[in-house]
Amino acid sequence: MNVYEEWLTAWFDRRSPLVELTPETNFFTADAIDSFGVIELIEEIEEQFSVTFVQEDFQDPRFVTIQGLAELIMEKTDK
């Protein structure tokens, strides 16, 4: 588990402690987050890791899992 997955896992554990998520679990279908929560999550990620999401990122199929979102963040921090 990389630093981004660890941070995301901790974020979801604080927000939805009763929902069991693995890195591959779709956090939307698991009801771990709602539309308002997505806004909070994105704002916190952008602040924590100094990245900026664009509209295309939200359409990326990886955006729905901790593992996939961690990959997106990693790609943005590598640039």
PDB file of N, CA and C in Angstrom:
ATOM      1  N   MET A   1       0.852  -1.179   0.000  1.00  0.00           N
ATOM      2  CA  MET A   1       0.000   0.000   0.000  1.00  0.00           C
ATOM      3  C   MET A   1       0.900   1.246   0.000  1.00  0.00           C
ATOM      4  N   ASN A   2       0.668   2.144  -0.941  1.00  0.00           N
ATOM      5  CA  ASN A   2       1.489   3.354  -1.007  1.00  0.00           C
ATOM      6  C   ASN A   2       0.890   4.465  -0.136  1.00  0.00           C
ATOM      7  N   VAL A   3       1.589   5.570  -0.064  1.00  0.00           N
ATOM      8  CA  VAL A   3       1.169   6.673   0.816  1.00  0.00           C
ATOM      9  C   VAL A   3      -0.209   7.211   0.422  1.00  0.00           C
ATOM     10  N   TYR A   4      -0.518   7.198  -0.864  1.00  0.00           N
ATOM     11  CA  TYR A   4      -1.812   7.709  -1.312  1.00  0.00           C
ATOM     12  C   TYR A   4      -2.943   6.760  -0.901  1.00  0.00           C
ATOM     13  N   GLU A   5      -2.715   5.464  -1.067  1.00  0.00           N
ATOM     14  CA  GLU A   5      -3.721   4.482  -0.631  1.00  0.00           C
ATOM     15  C   GLU A   5      -3.911   4.551   0.874  1.00  0.00           C
ATOM     16  N   GLU A   6      -2.832   4.712   1.606  1.00  0.00           N
ATOM     17  CA  GLU A   6      -2.937   4.818   3.070  1.00  0.00           C
ATOM     18  C   GLU A   6      -3.750   6.044   3.470  1.00  0.00           C
ATOM     19  N   TRP A   7      -3.473   7.173   2.838  1.00  0.00           N
ATOM     20  CA  TRP A   7      -4.204   8.402   3.151  1.00  0.00           C
ATOM     21  C   TRP A   7      -5.681   8.246   2.818  1.00  0.00           C
ATOM     22  N   LEU A   8      -5.983   7.699   1.633  1.00  0.00           N
ATOM     23  CA  LEU A   8      -7.373   7.499   1.217  1.00  0.00           C
ATOM     24  C   LEU A   8      -8.096   6.519   2.136  1.00  0.00           C
ATOM     25  N   THR A   9      -7.423   5.442   2.501  1.00  0.00           N
ATOM     26  CA  THR A   9      -8.028   4.460   3.406  1.00  0.00           C
ATOM     27  C   THR A   9      -8.367   5.117   4.743  1.00  0.00           C
ATOM     28  N   ALA A  10      -7.454   5.902   5.273  1.00  0.00           N
ATOM     29  CA  ALA A  10      -7.702   6.591   6.544  1.00  0.00           C
ATOM     30  C   ALA A  10      -8.851   7.588   6.393  1.00  0.00           C
ATOM     31  N   TRP A  11      -8.916   8.291   5.267  1.00  0.00           N
ATOM     32  CA  TRP A  11      -9.996   9.256   5.033  1.00  0.00           C
ATOM     33  C   TRP A  11     -11.346   8.552   5.041  1.00  0.00           C
ATOM     34  N   PHE A  12     -11.448   7.435   4.323  1.00  0.00           N
ATOM     35  CA  PHE A  12     -12.716   6.697   4.285  1.00  0.00           C
ATOM     36  C   PHE A  12     -13.027   6.057   5.638  1.00  0.00           C
ATOM     37  N   ASP A  13     -12.020   5.605   6.362  1.00  0.00           N
ATOM     38  CA  ASP A  13     -12.251   5.034   7.694  1.00  0.00           C
ATOM     39  C   ASP A  13     -12.847   6.076   8.643  1.00  0.00           C
ATOM     40  N   ARG A  14     -12.383   7.312   8.530  1.00  0.00           N
ATOM     41  CA  ARG A  14     -12.928   8.386   9.372  1.00  0.00           C
ATOM     42  C   ARG A  14     -14.345   8.757   8.936  1.00  0.00           C
ATOM     43  N   ARG A  15     -14.575   8.795   7.653  1.00  0.00           N
ATOM     44  CA  ARG A  15     -15.860   9.254   7.125  1.00  0.00           C
ATOM     45  C   ARG A  15     -16.942   8.178   7.191  1.00  0.00           C
ATOM     46  N   SER A  16     -16.565   6.949   6.899  1.00  0.00           N
ATOM     47  CA  SER A  16     -17.540   5.844   6.837  1.00  0.00           C
ATOM     48  C   SER A  16     -16.994   4.640   7.596  1.00  0.00           C
ATOM     49  N   PRO A  17     -16.896   4.741   8.912  1.00  0.00           N
ATOM     50  CA  PRO A  17     -16.252   3.672   9.684  1.00  0.00           C
ATOM     51  C   PRO A  17     -16.979   2.325   9.630  1.00  0.00           C
ATOM     52  N   LEU A  18     -18.241   2.312   9.287  1.00  0.00           N
ATOM     53  CA  LEU A  18     -18.989   1.055   9.252  1.00  0.00           C
ATOM     54  C   LEU A  18     -18.930   0.354   7.902  1.00  0.00           C
ATOM     55  N   VAL A  19     -18.333   1.009   6.914  1.00  0.00           N
ATOM     56  CA  VAL A  19     -18.242   0.426   5.571  1.00  0.00           C
ATOM     57  C   VAL A  19     -16.856  -0.187   5.393  1.00  0.00           C
ATOM     58  N   GLU A  20     -16.839  -1.474   5.068  1.00  0.00           N
ATOM     59  CA  GLU A  20     -15.576  -2.170   4.830  1.00  0.00           C
ATOM     60  C   GLU A  20     -15.154  -1.956   3.378  1.00  0.00           C
ATOM     61  N   LEU A  21     -14.024  -1.283   3.191  1.00  0.00           N
ATOM     62  CA  LEU A  21     -13.508  -1.061   1.847  1.00  0.00           C
ATOM     63  C   LEU A  21     -12.151  -1.728   1.681  1.00  0.00           C
ATOM     64  N   THR A  22     -11.971  -2.369   0.552  1.00  0.00           N
ATOM     65  CA  THR A  22     -10.648  -2.824   0.153  1.00  0.00           C
ATOM     66  C   THR A  22     -10.149  -1.820  -0.881  1.00  0.00           C
ATOM     67  N   PRO A  23      -8.886  -1.874  -1.256  1.00  0.00           N
ATOM     68  CA  PRO A  23      -8.400  -0.943  -2.279  1.00  0.00           C
ATOM     69  C   PRO A  23      -9.141  -1.070  -3.621  1.00  0.00           C
ATOM     70  N   GLU A  24      -9.755  -2.226  -3.866  1.00  0.00           N
ATOM     71  CA  GLU A  24     -10.440  -2.463  -5.136  1.00  0.00           C
ATOM     72  C   GLU A  24     -11.949  -2.248  -5.070  1.00  0.00           C
ATOM     73  N   THR A  25     -12.486  -1.958  -3.901  1.00  0.00           N
ATOM     74  CA  THR A  25     -13.935  -1.785  -3.742  1.00  0.00           C
ATOM     75  C   THR A  25     -14.386  -0.460  -4.341  1.00  0.00           C
ATOM     76  N   ASN A  26     -15.462  -0.487  -5.103  1.00  0.00           N
ATOM     77  CA  ASN A  26     -16.057   0.733  -5.620  1.00  0.00           C
ATOM     78  C   ASN A  26     -16.710   1.454  -4.439  1.00  0.00           C
ATOM     79  N   PHE A  27     -16.161   2.595  -4.060  1.00  0.00           N
ATOM     80  CA  PHE A  27     -16.667   3.266  -2.864  1.00  0.00           C
ATOM     81  C   PHE A  27     -18.032   3.908  -3.069  1.00  0.00           C
ATOM     82  N   PHE A  28     -18.448   4.094  -4.311  1.00  0.00           N
ATOM     83  CA  PHE A  28     -19.803   4.603  -4.559  1.00  0.00           C
ATOM     84  C   PHE A  28     -20.841   3.500  -4.336  1.00  0.00           C
ATOM     85  N   THR A  29     -20.619   2.335  -4.934  1.00  0.00           N
ATOM     86  CA  THR A  29     -21.589   1.247  -4.789  1.00  0.00           C
ATOM     87  C   THR A  29     -21.590   0.678  -3.372  1.00  0.00           C
ATOM     88  N   ALA A  30     -20.510   0.876  -2.634  1.00  0.00           N
ATOM     89  CA  ALA A  30     -20.451   0.426  -1.239  1.00  0.00           C
ATOM     90  C   ALA A  30     -21.107   1.437  -0.296  1.00  0.00           C
ATOM     91  N   ASP A  31     -21.624   2.528  -0.857  1.00  0.00           N
ATOM     92  CA  ASP A  31     -22.251   3.598  -0.068  1.00  0.00           C
ATOM     93  C   ASP A  31     -21.313   4.200   0.971  1.00  0.00           C
ATOM     94  N   ALA A  32     -20.041   4.305   0.602  1.00  0.00           N
ATOM     95  CA  ALA A  32     -19.062   4.909   1.500  1.00  0.00           C
ATOM     96  C   ALA A  32     -18.949   6.412   1.290  1.00  0.00           C
ATOM     97  N   ILE A  33     -19.588   6.920   0.214  1.00  0.00           N
ATOM     98  CA  ILE A  33     -19.482   8.336  -0.100  1.00  0.00           C
ATOM     99  C   ILE A  33     -20.693   8.759  -0.924  1.00  0.00           C
ATOM    100  N   ASP A  34     -21.076  10.014  -0.788  1.00  0.00           N
ATOM    101  CA  ASP A  34     -22.161  10.563  -1.599  1.00  0.00           C
ATOM    102  C   ASP A  34     -21.599  11.737  -2.407  1.00  0.00           C
ATOM    103  N   SER A  35     -22.448  12.436  -3.143  1.00  0.00           N
ATOM    104  CA  SER A  35     -21.969  13.501  -4.025  1.00  0.00           C
ATOM    105  C   SER A  35     -21.311  14.642  -3.240  1.00  0.00           C
ATOM    106  N   PHE A  36     -21.855  14.990  -2.084  1.00  0.00           N
ATOM    107  CA  PHE A  36     -21.231  16.020  -1.262  1.00  0.00           C
ATOM    108  C   PHE A  36     -19.881  15.540  -0.736  1.00  0.00           C
ATOM    109  N   GLY A  37     -19.818  14.277  -0.367  1.00  0.00           N
ATOM    110  CA  GLY A  37     -18.563  13.696   0.120  1.00  0.00           C
ATOM    111  C   GLY A  37     -17.475  13.708  -0.928  1.00  0.00           C
ATOM    112  N   VAL A  38     -17.857  13.531  -2.197  1.00  0.00           N
ATOM    113  CA  VAL A  38     -16.868  13.577  -3.285  1.00  0.00           C
ATOM    114  C   VAL A  38     -16.224  14.956  -3.338  1.00  0.00           C
ATOM    115  N   ILE A  39     -17.029  15.985  -3.180  1.00  0.00           N
ATOM    116  CA  ILE A  39     -16.490  17.347  -3.193  1.00  0.00           C
ATOM    117  C   ILE A  39     -15.499  17.525  -2.044  1.00  0.00           C
ATOM    118  N   GLU A  40     -15.865  17.068  -0.861  1.00  0.00           N
ATOM    119  CA  GLU A  40     -14.961  17.155   0.288  1.00  0.00           C
ATOM    120  C   GLU A  40     -13.677  16.378   0.041  1.00  0.00           C
ATOM    121  N   LEU A  41     -13.823  15.168  -0.495  1.00  0.00           N
ATOM    122  CA  LEU A  41     -12.660  14.319  -0.756  1.00  0.00           C
ATOM    123  C   LEU A  41     -11.719  14.999  -1.739  1.00  0.00           C
ATOM    124  N   ILE A  42     -12.248  15.497  -2.840  1.00  0.00           N
ATOM    125  CA  ILE A  42     -11.409  16.133  -3.855  1.00  0.00           C
ATOM    126  C   ILE A  42     -10.706  17.360  -3.282  1.00  0.00           C
ATOM    127  N   GLU A  43     -11.439  18.172  -2.536  1.00  0.00           N
ATOM    128  CA  GLU A  43     -10.817  19.360  -1.930  1.00  0.00           C
ATOM    129  C   GLU A  43      -9.670  18.970  -0.998  1.00  0.00           C
ATOM    130  N   GLU A  44      -9.883  17.941  -0.200  1.00  0.00           N
ATOM    131  CA  GLU A  44      -8.848  17.520   0.741  1.00  0.00           C
ATOM    132  C   GLU A  44      -7.654  16.903   0.022  1.00  0.00           C
ATOM    133  N   ILE A  45      -7.898  16.127  -1.026  1.00  0.00           N
ATOM    134  CA  ILE A  45      -6.796  15.550  -1.806  1.00  0.00           C
ATOM    135  C   ILE A  45      -5.977  16.667  -2.449  1.00  0.00           C
ATOM    136  N   GLU A  46      -6.673  17.626  -3.071  1.00  0.00           N
ATOM    137  CA  GLU A  46      -5.963  18.721  -3.741  1.00  0.00           C
ATOM    138  C   GLU A  46      -5.115  19.511  -2.753  1.00  0.00           C
ATOM    139  N   GLU A  47      -5.639  19.726  -1.567  1.00  0.00           N
ATOM    140  CA  GLU A  47      -4.883  20.455  -0.546  1.00  0.00           C
ATOM    141  C   GLU A  47      -3.726  19.625   0.004  1.00  0.00           C
ATOM    142  N   GLN A  48      -3.985  18.379   0.322  1.00  0.00           N
ATOM    143  CA  GLN A  48      -2.983  17.502   0.931  1.00  0.00           C
ATOM    144  C   GLN A  48      -1.805  17.228   0.000  1.00  0.00           C
ATOM    145  N   PHE A  49      -2.094  17.001  -1.284  1.00  0.00           N
ATOM    146  CA  PHE A  49      -1.051  16.558  -2.209  1.00  0.00           C
ATOM    147  C   PHE A  49      -0.687  17.597  -3.270  1.00  0.00           C
ATOM    148  N   SER A  50      -1.244  18.791  -3.172  1.00  0.00           N
ATOM    149  CA  SER A  50      -0.950  19.877  -4.112  1.00  0.00           C
ATOM    150  C   SER A  50      -1.156  19.450  -5.562  1.00  0.00           C
ATOM    151  N   VAL A  51      -2.326  18.867  -5.820  1.00  0.00           N
ATOM    152  CA  VAL A  51      -2.704  18.462  -7.175  1.00  0.00           C
ATOM    153  C   VAL A  51      -4.021  19.143  -7.529  1.00  0.00           C
ATOM    154  N   THR A  52      -4.350  19.111  -8.807  1.00  0.00           N
ATOM    155  CA  THR A  52      -5.611  19.659  -9.273  1.00  0.00           C
ATOM    156  C   THR A  52      -6.293  18.641 -10.162  1.00  0.00           C
ATOM    157  N   PHE A  53      -7.541  18.367  -9.873  1.00  0.00           N
ATOM    158  CA  PHE A  53      -8.324  17.462 -10.705  1.00  0.00           C
ATOM    159  C   PHE A  53      -9.011  18.261 -11.812  1.00  0.00           C
ATOM    160  N   VAL A  54      -9.136  17.618 -12.967  1.00  0.00           N
ATOM    161  CA  VAL A  54      -9.868  18.208 -14.088  1.00  0.00           C
ATOM    162  C   VAL A  54     -11.064  17.312 -14.389  1.00  0.00           C
ATOM    163  N   GLN A  55     -11.985  17.805 -15.179  1.00  0.00           N
ATOM    164  CA  GLN A  55     -13.225  17.075 -15.468  1.00  0.00           C
ATOM    165  C   GLN A  55     -12.968  15.648 -15.955  1.00  0.00           C
ATOM    166  N   GLU A  56     -11.957  15.460 -16.776  1.00  0.00           N
ATOM    167  CA  GLU A  56     -11.667  14.130 -17.315  1.00  0.00           C
ATOM    168  C   GLU A  56     -11.321  13.123 -16.218  1.00  0.00           C
ATOM    169  N   ASP A  57     -10.738  13.600 -15.127  1.00  0.00           N
ATOM    170  CA  ASP A  57     -10.378  12.703 -14.024  1.00  0.00           C
ATOM    171  C   ASP A  57     -11.614  12.032 -13.429  1.00  0.00           C
ATOM    172  N   PHE A  58     -12.716  12.765 -13.396  1.00  0.00           N
ATOM    173  CA  PHE A  58     -13.934  12.224 -12.799  1.00  0.00           C
ATOM    174  C   PHE A  58     -14.582  11.163 -13.690  1.00  0.00           C
ATOM    175  N   GLN A  59     -14.211  11.143 -14.962  1.00  0.00           N
ATOM    176  CA  GLN A  59     -14.722  10.141 -15.899  1.00  0.00           C
ATOM    177  C   GLN A  59     -13.797   8.921 -15.980  1.00  0.00           C
ATOM    178  N   ASP A  60     -12.624   9.019 -15.398  1.00  0.00           N
ATOM    179  CA  ASP A  60     -11.663   7.916 -15.424  1.00  0.00           C
ATOM    180  C   ASP A  60     -12.226   6.751 -14.613  1.00  0.00           C
ATOM    181  N   PRO A  61     -12.248   5.550 -15.192  1.00  0.00           N
ATOM    182  CA  PRO A  61     -12.815   4.399 -14.463  1.00  0.00           C
ATOM    183  C   PRO A  61     -12.085   4.086 -13.158  1.00  0.00           C
ATOM    184  N   ARG A  62     -10.863   4.534 -13.025  1.00  0.00           N
ATOM    185  CA  ARG A  62     -10.106   4.282 -11.787  1.00  0.00           C
ATOM    186  C   ARG A  62     -10.580   5.161 -10.635  1.00  0.00           C
ATOM    187  N   PHE A  63     -11.351   6.197 -10.928  1.00  0.00           N
ATOM    188  CA  PHE A  63     -11.754   7.170  -9.918  1.00  0.00           C
ATOM    189  C   PHE A  63     -12.625   6.578  -8.818  1.00  0.00           C
ATOM    190  N   VAL A  64     -13.194   5.404  -9.002  1.00  0.00           N
ATOM    191  CA  VAL A  64     -14.183   4.861  -8.061  1.00  0.00           C
ATOM    192  C   VAL A  64     -13.610   3.938  -6.985  1.00  0.00           C
ATOM    193  N   THR A  65     -12.303   3.688  -7.011  1.00  0.00           N
ATOM    194  CA  THR A  65     -11.697   2.831  -5.990  1.00  0.00           C
ATOM    195  C   THR A  65     -10.527   3.548  -5.333  1.00  0.00           C
ATOM    196  N   ILE A  66     -10.187   3.125  -4.153  1.00  0.00           N
ATOM    197  CA  ILE A  66      -9.027   3.686  -3.457  1.00  0.00           C
ATOM    198  C   ILE A  66      -7.773   3.456  -4.273  1.00  0.00           C
ATOM    199  N   GLN A  67      -7.596   2.254  -4.777  1.00  0.00           N
ATOM    200  CA  GLN A  67      -6.409   1.927  -5.558  1.00  0.00           C
ATOM    201  C   GLN A  67      -6.322   2.794  -6.822  1.00  0.00           C
ATOM    202  N   GLY A  68      -7.428   2.909  -7.529  1.00  0.00           N
ATOM    203  CA  GLY A  68      -7.441   3.698  -8.751  1.00  0.00           C
ATOM    204  C   GLY A  68      -7.236   5.177  -8.501  1.00  0.00           C
ATOM    205  N   LEU A  69      -7.882   5.690  -7.477  1.00  0.00           N
ATOM    206  CA  LEU A  69      -7.729   7.103  -7.145  1.00  0.00           C
ATOM    207  C   LEU A  69      -6.298   7.388  -6.705  1.00  0.00           C
ATOM    208  N   ALA A  70      -5.691   6.460  -5.993  1.00  0.00           N
ATOM    209  CA  ALA A  70      -4.285   6.613  -5.600  1.00  0.00           C
ATOM    210  C   ALA A  70      -3.392   6.668  -6.841  1.00  0.00           C
ATOM    211  N   GLU A  71      -3.701   5.868  -7.850  1.00  0.00           N
ATOM    212  CA  GLU A  71      -2.942   5.915  -9.108  1.00  0.00           C
ATOM    213  C   GLU A  71      -3.075   7.279  -9.776  1.00  0.00           C
ATOM    214  N   LEU A  72      -4.291   7.812  -9.801  1.00  0.00           N
ATOM    215  CA  LEU A  72      -4.500   9.134 -10.395  1.00  0.00           C
ATOM    216  C   LEU A  72      -3.702  10.204  -9.654  1.00  0.00           C
ATOM    217  N   ILE A  73      -3.727  10.155  -8.336  1.00  0.00           N
ATOM    218  CA  ILE A  73      -2.971  11.127  -7.541  1.00  0.00           C
ATOM    219  C   ILE A  73      -1.474  10.974  -7.824  1.00  0.00           C
ATOM    220  N   MET A  74      -1.000   9.743  -7.880  1.00  0.00           N
ATOM    221  CA  MET A  74       0.417   9.491  -8.136  1.00  0.00           C
ATOM    222  C   MET A  74       0.821  10.064  -9.489  1.00  0.00           C
ATOM    223  N   GLU A  75      -0.008   9.870 -10.493  1.00  0.00           N
ATOM    224  CA  GLU A  75       0.292  10.419 -11.818  1.00  0.00           C
ATOM    225  C   GLU A  75       0.353  11.944 -11.774  1.00  0.00           C
ATOM    226  N   LYS A  76      -0.514  12.563 -11.002  1.00  0.00           N
ATOM    227  CA  LYS A  76      -0.533  14.015 -10.912  1.00  0.00           C
ATOM    228  C   LYS A  76       0.675  14.559 -10.126  1.00  0.00           C
ATOM    229  N   THR A  77       1.151  13.818  -9.165  1.00  0.00           N
ATOM    230  CA  THR A  77       2.306  14.289  -8.374  1.00  0.00           C
ATOM    231  C   THR A  77       3.613  14.015  -9.103  1.00  0.00           C
ATOM    232  N   ASP A  78       3.605  13.102 -10.061  1.00  0.00           N
ATOM    233  CA  ASP A  78       4.816  12.794 -10.829  1.00  0.00           C
ATOM    234  C   ASP A  78       5.090  13.820 -11.923  1.00  0.00           C
ATOM    235  N   LYS A  79       4.091  14.646 -12.235  1.00  0.00           N
ATOM    236  CA  LYS A  79       4.247  15.607 -13.332  1.00  0.00           C
ATOM    237  C   LYS A  79       4.943  16.857 -12.884  1.00  0.00           C
TER     238      LYS A  79
END
